[in-house]
Amino acid sequence: VKENQEKDKIGSKSDKNGKRVEVGKSLKQLQWVEEEKLSKTQKE
């Protein structure tokens, strides 16, 4: 519980940065998935 409270405090301060990081991660994951699909289709 303490960890969550601390994260909330930090999150409220660096909310914008945190969201940017999350978006960047999801974008990288999407790109990786697309590359995986391409590599699979190219093999076939």
N, C-alpha and C. Protein backbone atom coordinates (compact mmCIF):
# COMPACT_ATOMS: atom_id res chain seq x y z
N VAL A 1 0.85 -1.21 0.00
CA VAL A 1 0.00 0.00 0.00
C VAL A 1 0.87 1.24 0.00
N LYS A 2 1.94 1.21 0.78
CA LYS A 2 2.84 2.38 0.82
C LYS A 2 3.40 2.65 -0.57
N GLU A 3 3.78 1.59 -1.26
CA GLU A 3 4.36 1.76 -2.60
C GLU A 3 3.37 2.47 -3.51
N ASN A 4 2.11 2.04 -3.45
CA ASN A 4 1.09 2.67 -4.31
C ASN A 4 0.95 4.14 -3.97
N GLN A 5 0.94 4.47 -2.68
CA GLN A 5 0.80 5.87 -2.27
C GLN A 5 1.97 6.68 -2.80
N GLU A 6 3.17 6.15 -2.67
CA GLU A 6 4.35 6.87 -3.16
C GLU A 6 4.26 7.04 -4.67
N LYS A 7 3.82 6.00 -5.35
CA LYS A 7 3.70 6.09 -6.81
C LYS A 7 2.68 7.17 -7.17
N ASP A 8 1.59 7.25 -6.40
CA ASP A 8 0.58 8.28 -6.68
C ASP A 8 1.20 9.66 -6.54
N LYS A 9 2.00 9.85 -5.48
CA LYS A 9 2.64 11.16 -5.28
C LYS A 9 3.56 11.46 -6.46
N ILE A 10 4.39 10.50 -6.82
CA ILE A 10 5.32 10.71 -7.94
C ILE A 10 4.52 10.87 -9.24
N GLY A 11 3.50 10.04 -9.40
CA GLY A 11 2.70 10.08 -10.62
C GLY A 11 2.05 11.44 -10.81
N SER A 12 1.55 12.04 -9.73
CA SER A 12 0.88 13.33 -9.86
C SER A 12 1.88 14.39 -10.32
N LYS A 13 3.14 14.22 -9.92
CA LYS A 13 4.16 15.21 -10.33
C LYS A 13 4.59 14.96 -11.77
N SER A 14 4.97 13.73 -12.08
CA SER A 14 5.46 13.41 -13.42
C SER A 14 4.40 12.64 -14.20
N ASP A 15 3.17 13.14 -14.16
CA ASP A 15 2.08 12.44 -14.84
C ASP A 15 2.29 12.47 -16.35
N LYS A 16 2.62 13.66 -16.87
CA LYS A 16 2.80 13.79 -18.32
C LYS A 16 3.93 12.88 -18.80
N ASN A 17 5.06 12.93 -18.12
CA ASN A 17 6.20 12.10 -18.54
C ASN A 17 5.83 10.62 -18.47
N GLY A 18 5.17 10.23 -17.39
CA GLY A 18 4.79 8.83 -17.23
C GLY A 18 3.91 8.36 -18.37
N LYS A 19 2.93 9.18 -18.73
CA LYS A 19 2.03 8.79 -19.83
C LYS A 19 2.82 8.67 -21.12
N ARG A 20 3.75 9.59 -21.34
CA ARG A 20 4.55 9.53 -22.57
C ARG A 20 5.32 8.21 -22.63
N VAL A 21 5.88 7.82 -21.50
CA VAL A 21 6.65 6.57 -21.47
C VAL A 21 5.74 5.39 -21.80
N GLU A 22 4.54 5.38 -21.20
CA GLU A 22 3.62 4.27 -21.46
C GLU A 22 3.25 4.23 -22.93
N VAL A 23 2.97 5.39 -23.51
CA VAL A 23 2.61 5.44 -24.93
C VAL A 23 3.78 4.93 -25.77
N GLY A 24 5.00 5.34 -25.41
CA GLY A 24 6.16 4.88 -26.16
C GLY A 24 6.28 3.37 -26.10
N LYS A 25 6.03 2.79 -24.93
CA LYS A 25 6.12 1.34 -24.80
C LYS A 25 5.09 0.67 -25.70
N SER A 26 3.85 1.14 -25.65
CA SER A 26 2.79 0.52 -26.46
C SER A 26 3.12 0.66 -27.94
N LEU A 27 3.66 1.82 -28.33
CA LEU A 27 4.01 2.02 -29.75
C LEU A 27 5.09 1.02 -30.15
N LYS A 28 6.09 0.84 -29.29
CA LYS A 28 7.16 -0.10 -29.61
C LYS A 28 6.59 -1.51 -29.72
N GLN A 29 5.66 -1.85 -28.83
CA GLN A 29 5.06 -3.18 -28.88
C GLN A 29 4.29 -3.36 -30.18
N LEU A 30 3.53 -2.33 -30.58
CA LEU A 30 2.77 -2.41 -31.83
C LEU A 30 3.73 -2.62 -33.00
N GLN A 31 4.80 -1.84 -33.03
CA GLN A 31 5.78 -1.97 -34.12
C GLN A 31 6.36 -3.38 -34.13
N TRP A 32 6.67 -3.90 -32.94
CA TRP A 32 7.27 -5.23 -32.84
C TRP A 32 6.29 -6.28 -33.37
N VAL A 33 5.02 -6.15 -32.99
CA VAL A 33 4.00 -7.10 -33.45
C VAL A 33 3.89 -7.04 -34.97
N GLU A 34 3.87 -5.82 -35.51
CA GLU A 34 3.77 -5.68 -36.97
C GLU A 34 4.98 -6.34 -37.64
N GLU A 35 6.16 -6.13 -37.08
CA GLU A 35 7.37 -6.74 -37.66
C GLU A 35 7.27 -8.26 -37.60
N GLU A 36 6.74 -8.77 -36.48
CA GLU A 36 6.58 -10.22 -36.35
C GLU A 36 5.65 -10.73 -37.45
N LYS A 37 4.54 -10.02 -37.67
CA LYS A 37 3.59 -10.44 -38.71
C LYS A 37 4.29 -10.42 -40.07
N LEU A 38 5.03 -9.36 -40.35
CA LEU A 38 5.72 -9.25 -41.64
C LEU A 38 6.70 -10.40 -41.82
N SER A 39 7.49 -10.67 -40.80
CA SER A 39 8.50 -11.73 -40.91
C SER A 39 7.82 -13.08 -41.15
N LYS A 40 6.67 -13.30 -40.51
CA LYS A 40 5.97 -14.58 -40.69
C LYS A 40 5.43 -14.67 -42.11
N THR A 41 4.83 -13.61 -42.61
CA THR A 41 4.26 -13.64 -43.96
C THR A 41 5.37 -13.77 -45.00
N GLN A 42 6.50 -13.15 -44.75
CA GLN A 42 7.61 -13.22 -45.71
C GLN A 42 8.13 -14.66 -45.80
N LYS A 43 8.18 -15.36 -44.67
CA LYS A 43 8.66 -16.74 -44.66
C LYS A 43 7.73 -17.61 -45.50
N GLU A 44 6.44 -17.38 -45.39
CA GLU A 44 5.46 -18.15 -46.16
C GLU A 44 5.50 -17.68 -47.60
